């Protein structure tokens, strides 16, 4: 009976309640950017994404076999990923997420800033912006002062990025990320 009365009140009285619309204007300044321009004509195949012989979705065992013993290992938890492990080497950081098998970690992010590490196509830290464009194609970078970020589209429909940071015409960082790997 109480449900029926509540329903009657909601259907009869609520439509007659006044509603005032006011526009909200945001004045907060932000410094984030959308990482992938999906309207680009240049698309990189997923198998061309990686740095230093490390590819997205590789197991921790494979990473350690290629890069050796890390300088530092840390474990944490990220809400979107779950349990994570960070392997830090000189010039490269590899982020891994725990897979469906407890204790088994797979690569979801790679960040390199050391010149010892190249992409599968041979682009490495210190290379010129021209080499980057010759290798992966010309796209419009996002710019902030003398720093440009080239974020290439990926042929896999997932939140995957392949980004190169260029400062003063030279590649200074390479980042690969796939949250769903």
Protein backbone atom coordinates (compact mmCIF):
# COMPACT_ATOMS: atom_id res chain seq x y z
CA UNK A 1 0.00 0.00 0.00
CA UNK A 2 2.82 2.40 0.91
CA UNK A 3 4.54 1.64 -2.42
CA UNK A 4 1.33 2.49 -4.29
CA UNK A 5 1.00 5.84 -2.50
CA UNK A 6 4.67 6.68 -3.13
CA UNK A 7 4.26 5.81 -6.80
CA UNK A 8 1.13 7.99 -7.06
CA UNK A 9 2.90 10.93 -5.43
CA UNK A 10 5.90 10.49 -7.74
CA UNK A 11 3.80 10.32 -10.92
CA UNK A 12 1.39 13.16 -10.04
CA UNK A 13 3.35 15.70 -7.99
CA UNK A 14 6.87 15.49 -9.39
CA UNK A 15 5.89 16.55 -12.95
CA UNK A 16 4.38 19.76 -11.48
CA UNK A 17 7.50 20.62 -9.50
CA UNK A 18 9.39 23.61 -10.84
CA UNK A 19 12.70 23.09 -12.55
CA UNK A 20 15.28 25.80 -12.97
CA UNK A 21 18.16 25.36 -15.39
CA UNK A 22 21.33 27.31 -14.80
CA UNK A 23 24.44 27.13 -16.88
CA UNK A 24 27.68 26.16 -15.15
CA UNK A 25 30.92 27.53 -16.49
CA UNK A 26 34.13 25.67 -15.67
CA UNK A 27 37.11 27.86 -14.94
CA UNK A 28 39.54 25.16 -13.82
CA UNK A 29 42.70 25.03 -15.89
CA UNK A 30 43.87 21.52 -16.74
CA UNK A 31 47.10 20.21 -18.21
CA UNK A 32 46.02 16.79 -19.43
CA UNK A 33 45.67 15.68 -23.01
CA UNK A 34 43.92 12.94 -24.94
CA UNK A 35 46.60 10.42 -25.71
CA UNK A 36 45.45 9.04 -29.03
CA UNK A 37 44.05 10.82 -32.05
CA UNK A 38 41.77 8.20 -33.61
CA UNK A 39 41.13 10.38 -36.70
CA UNK A 40 44.72 9.98 -37.88
CA UNK A 41 45.35 8.20 -41.15
CA UNK A 42 48.63 6.73 -39.85
CA UNK A 43 47.98 3.47 -37.99
CA UNK A 44 50.72 1.39 -36.40
CA UNK A 45 50.21 -2.36 -36.15
CA UNK A 46 50.17 -3.70 -32.59
CA UNK A 47 53.15 -5.99 -33.22
CA UNK A 48 55.36 -2.92 -34.00
CA UNK A 49 54.89 -1.52 -30.48
CA UNK A 50 57.69 -2.07 -28.01
CA UNK A 51 61.03 -0.83 -26.74
CA UNK A 52 64.31 -2.59 -26.01
CA UNK A 53 63.01 -5.96 -27.14
CA UNK A 54 60.10 -5.68 -24.69
CA UNK A 55 56.57 -5.84 -26.06
CA UNK A 56 53.18 -5.27 -24.51
CA UNK A 57 51.63 -8.46 -23.03
CA UNK A 58 55.04 -10.13 -22.48
CA UNK A 59 55.41 -12.09 -19.27
CA UNK A 60 57.68 -10.96 -16.44
CA UNK A 61 59.86 -14.00 -17.09
CA UNK A 62 60.36 -12.92 -20.72
CA UNK A 63 61.22 -9.35 -19.64
CA UNK A 64 63.81 -10.54 -17.13
CA UNK A 65 65.30 -12.89 -19.72
CA UNK A 66 65.80 -9.95 -22.12
CA UNK A 67 66.73 -7.13 -19.70
CA UNK A 68 68.21 -9.11 -16.82
CA UNK A 69 67.89 -8.35 -13.14
CA UNK A 70 66.13 -5.02 -12.50
CA UNK A 71 67.76 -2.29 -10.40
CA UNK A 72 64.52 -1.96 -8.43
CA UNK A 73 61.26 -3.91 -8.11
CA UNK A 74 58.13 -2.51 -6.48
CA UNK A 75 54.62 -3.86 -6.09
CA UNK A 76 51.43 -1.83 -5.79
CA UNK A 77 47.73 -1.83 -6.58
CA UNK A 78 45.91 0.26 -9.21
CA UNK A 79 42.11 0.28 -9.25
CA UNK A 80 41.79 -0.13 -13.03
CA UNK A 81 44.43 -2.85 -13.28
CA UNK A 82 44.70 -4.57 -9.91
CA UNK A 83 48.03 -5.81 -8.57
CA UNK A 84 50.96 -4.25 -10.41
CA UNK A 85 54.70 -4.69 -10.45
CA UNK A 86 57.27 -2.13 -11.61
CA UNK A 87 60.67 -3.24 -12.91
CA UNK A 88 63.15 -0.34 -13.08
CA UNK A 89 66.28 -0.59 -15.17
CA UNK A 90 68.72 2.12 -16.19
CA UNK A 91 66.88 4.02 -18.93
CA UNK A 92 63.71 1.91 -19.03
CA UNK A 93 60.76 1.18 -16.73
CA UNK A 94 58.46 -1.78 -17.33
CA UNK A 95 55.02 -1.89 -15.66
CA UNK A 96 53.26 -5.24 -15.32
CA UNK A 97 49.77 -6.20 -14.21
CA UNK A 98 48.78 -9.45 -12.55
CA UNK A 99 47.02 -11.75 -14.97
CA UNK A 100 44.26 -14.26 -14.32
CA UNK A 101 46.81 -16.61 -12.72
CA UNK A 102 47.84 -15.21 -9.29
CA UNK A 103 51.52 -14.23 -9.20
CA UNK A 104 51.78 -14.11 -12.99
CA UNK A 105 52.47 -10.61 -14.36
CA UNK A 106 52.29 -9.27 -17.93
CA UNK A 107 53.57 -6.00 -19.44
CA UNK A 108 51.03 -3.22 -19.85
CA UNK A 109 53.36 -0.19 -20.01
CA UNK A 110 56.92 0.55 -21.10
CA UNK A 111 58.69 3.90 -20.72
CA UNK A 112 62.18 4.40 -22.06
CA UNK A 113 64.48 7.40 -21.84
CA UNK A 114 67.84 5.65 -22.32
CA UNK A 115 69.56 5.52 -25.71
CA UNK A 116 70.29 1.78 -25.36
CA UNK A 117 66.67 0.92 -26.13
CA UNK A 118 65.11 1.05 -29.61
CA UNK A 119 61.66 0.27 -30.98
CA UNK A 120 61.25 -2.79 -33.23
CA UNK A 121 61.67 -0.36 -36.16
CA UNK A 122 64.94 1.06 -34.80
CA UNK A 123 63.86 4.44 -33.38
CA UNK A 124 65.68 5.23 -30.11
CA UNK A 125 66.29 8.05 -27.67
CA UNK A 126 68.43 10.73 -29.29
CA UNK A 127 67.17 10.06 -32.82
CA UNK A 128 65.91 13.02 -34.81
CA UNK A 129 62.28 13.97 -35.24
CA UNK A 130 62.82 13.45 -38.98
CA UNK A 131 63.83 9.80 -38.43
CA UNK A 132 60.74 9.30 -36.25
CA UNK A 133 58.49 10.71 -39.00
CA UNK A 134 60.25 8.72 -41.76
CA UNK A 135 59.79 5.54 -39.71
CA UNK A 136 56.22 5.92 -38.41
CA UNK A 137 54.63 8.59 -40.61
CA UNK A 138 53.81 12.25 -40.36
CA UNK A 139 51.15 13.20 -37.82
CA UNK A 140 50.33 16.43 -36.04
CA UNK A 141 51.97 16.39 -32.59
CA UNK A 142 50.66 18.08 -29.48
CA UNK A 143 53.07 20.84 -28.47
CA UNK A 144 54.06 22.59 -25.28
CA UNK A 145 56.93 25.02 -25.80
CA UNK A 146 59.84 23.16 -27.40
CA UNK A 147 58.38 19.75 -26.46
CA UNK A 148 56.24 17.80 -28.95
CA UNK A 149 54.36 14.56 -28.33
CA UNK A 150 53.73 12.28 -31.30
CA UNK A 151 50.92 9.86 -30.35
CA UNK A 152 50.38 7.28 -33.08
CA UNK A 153 47.10 5.51 -33.66
CA UNK A 154 47.09 1.75 -33.21
CA UNK A 155 45.30 -0.80 -35.40
CA UNK A 156 43.91 -2.55 -32.29
CA UNK A 157 40.68 -1.10 -30.88
CA UNK A 158 41.72 -0.73 -27.25
CA UNK A 159 43.15 2.01 -25.08
CA UNK A 160 46.66 1.53 -26.53
CA UNK A 161 49.17 4.31 -27.03
CA UNK A 162 52.54 4.57 -28.73
CA UNK A 163 53.95 8.00 -27.95
CA UNK A 164 57.24 9.71 -28.62
CA UNK A 165 58.30 12.83 -26.75
CA UNK A 166 60.53 15.10 -28.81
CA UNK A 167 62.46 18.03 -27.35
CA UNK A 168 64.57 20.36 -29.51
CA UNK A 169 64.13 18.00 -32.48
CA UNK A 170 65.35 14.84 -30.67
CA UNK A 171 63.41 11.88 -29.23
CA UNK A 172 63.67 12.03 -25.41
CA UNK A 173 61.10 9.42 -24.32
CA UNK A 174 59.21 6.48 -25.82
CA UNK A 175 56.06 5.21 -24.15
CA UNK A 176 53.91 2.16 -24.92
CA UNK A 177 50.74 1.47 -22.96
CA UNK A 178 47.89 -1.00 -23.24
CA UNK A 179 45.65 -1.23 -20.19
CA UNK A 180 43.79 -4.23 -21.62
CA UNK A 181 46.85 -6.28 -22.63
